[in-house]
Amino acid sequence: MIRVLFFATIRELAHGKEATVQGCRTVDELFAALSERCGDAFGKEALEGGSVSGRVIVMVNGRAIAHTGGGATPLSDGDTVAVFPVIGGG
């Protein structure tokens, strides 16, 4: 089972602060499953062209997927995935 934690505005789109998902082998598969579960608003923010969008920051077990293969990052039972919105400031 994969534990998914949602933060900030992503939490609202996911309708909760946490979810568990089974059977996903990659981050892209996880986000496709989450999009089906959480609805169109989540999917529009988190997915782009079938892969994780640049509007979210995703970490698997504390490591940003930007450094581990992006949406192709492999997942295993027991992993924790954290999803954050990209936040700009000045």
Protein backbone atom coordinates (compact mmCIF):
# COMPACT_ATOMS: atom_id res chain seq x y z
CA MET A 1 0.00 0.00 0.00
CA ILE A 2 1.27 3.47 -0.90
CA ARG A 3 0.53 6.36 1.44
CA VAL A 4 -0.10 9.73 -0.24
CA LEU A 5 0.02 13.01 1.69
CA PHE A 6 -1.53 16.17 0.23
CA PHE A 7 -0.46 19.69 1.23
CA ALA A 8 -1.81 23.25 0.87
CA THR A 9 -4.23 23.78 -2.02
CA ILE A 10 -3.69 20.25 -3.34
CA ARG A 11 -5.34 19.02 -0.14
CA GLU A 12 -8.56 20.79 -1.16
CA LEU A 13 -8.48 19.30 -4.66
CA ALA A 14 -7.86 15.82 -3.26
CA HIS A 15 -10.71 16.18 -0.73
CA GLY A 16 -8.50 15.27 2.20
CA LYS A 17 -5.04 15.32 3.66
CA GLU A 18 -4.15 11.69 3.02
CA ALA A 19 -5.01 8.68 0.86
CA THR A 20 -3.80 5.14 0.37
CA VAL A 21 -3.51 3.45 -3.01
CA GLN A 22 -2.56 -0.07 -4.08
CA GLY A 23 -1.21 -1.51 -7.29
CA CYS A 24 0.59 1.51 -8.75
CA ARG A 25 4.07 0.79 -10.09
CA THR A 26 5.07 4.36 -11.00
CA VAL A 27 4.24 7.91 -9.96
CA ASP A 28 2.38 8.44 -13.26
CA GLU A 29 0.19 5.39 -12.53
CA LEU A 30 -0.42 6.71 -9.02
CA PHE A 31 -1.51 10.10 -10.32
CA ALA A 32 -3.84 8.52 -12.88
CA ALA A 33 -5.46 6.51 -10.07
CA LEU A 34 -5.68 9.58 -7.84
CA SER A 35 -7.23 11.60 -10.67
CA GLU A 36 -9.98 9.01 -11.05
CA ARG A 37 -10.56 8.92 -7.30
CA CYS A 38 -10.33 12.66 -6.57
CA GLY A 39 -12.02 14.03 -9.68
CA ASP A 40 -11.44 16.44 -12.55
CA ALA A 41 -10.17 19.39 -10.50
CA PHE A 42 -7.34 17.30 -9.08
CA GLY A 43 -6.56 15.77 -12.47
CA LYS A 44 -6.41 19.16 -14.21
CA GLU A 45 -3.90 20.45 -11.66
CA ALA A 46 -1.79 17.33 -11.16
CA LEU A 47 -1.70 15.75 -14.63
CA GLU A 48 -0.62 17.02 -18.00
CA GLY A 49 -0.58 14.78 -21.05
CA GLY A 50 -0.84 11.64 -18.93
CA SER A 51 2.13 12.51 -16.73
CA VAL A 52 2.69 14.50 -13.56
CA SER A 53 2.30 18.21 -14.31
CA GLY A 54 4.81 20.93 -13.56
CA ARG A 55 2.24 22.54 -11.27
CA VAL A 56 2.98 20.10 -8.45
CA ILE A 57 6.05 19.03 -6.52
CA VAL A 58 6.13 15.32 -5.75
CA MET A 59 8.40 13.57 -3.29
CA VAL A 60 8.73 9.82 -2.80
CA ASN A 61 10.16 8.89 0.58
CA GLY A 62 11.57 12.40 0.97
CA ARG A 63 13.23 12.60 -2.47
CA ALA A 64 11.91 14.88 -5.21
CA ILE A 65 10.91 12.92 -8.31
CA ALA A 66 12.69 15.56 -10.40
CA HIS A 67 15.86 13.70 -9.35
CA THR A 68 14.58 10.12 -9.47
CA GLY A 69 12.94 9.75 -12.90
CA GLY A 70 9.93 12.07 -12.85
CA GLY A 71 6.62 10.32 -13.46
CA ALA A 72 8.49 7.09 -14.25
CA THR A 73 9.84 6.95 -10.67
CA PRO A 74 9.09 3.44 -9.40
CA LEU A 75 6.86 2.87 -6.40
CA SER A 76 6.74 -0.01 -3.93
CA ASP A 77 4.44 -1.03 -1.11
CA GLY A 78 5.25 1.01 1.97
CA ASP A 79 6.32 4.14 0.07
CA THR A 80 5.12 7.56 1.15
CA VAL A 81 4.39 10.12 -1.56
CA ALA A 82 3.99 13.82 -0.70
CA VAL A 83 2.26 16.19 -3.12
CA PHE A 84 2.70 19.97 -2.89
CA PRO A 85 1.56 22.80 -5.16
CA VAL A 86 4.26 24.90 -6.82
CA ILE A 87 4.19 28.18 -4.93
CA GLY A 88 5.63 31.39 -6.26
CA GLY A 89 6.39 34.42 -4.22
CA GLY A 90 8.29 37.57 -4.17
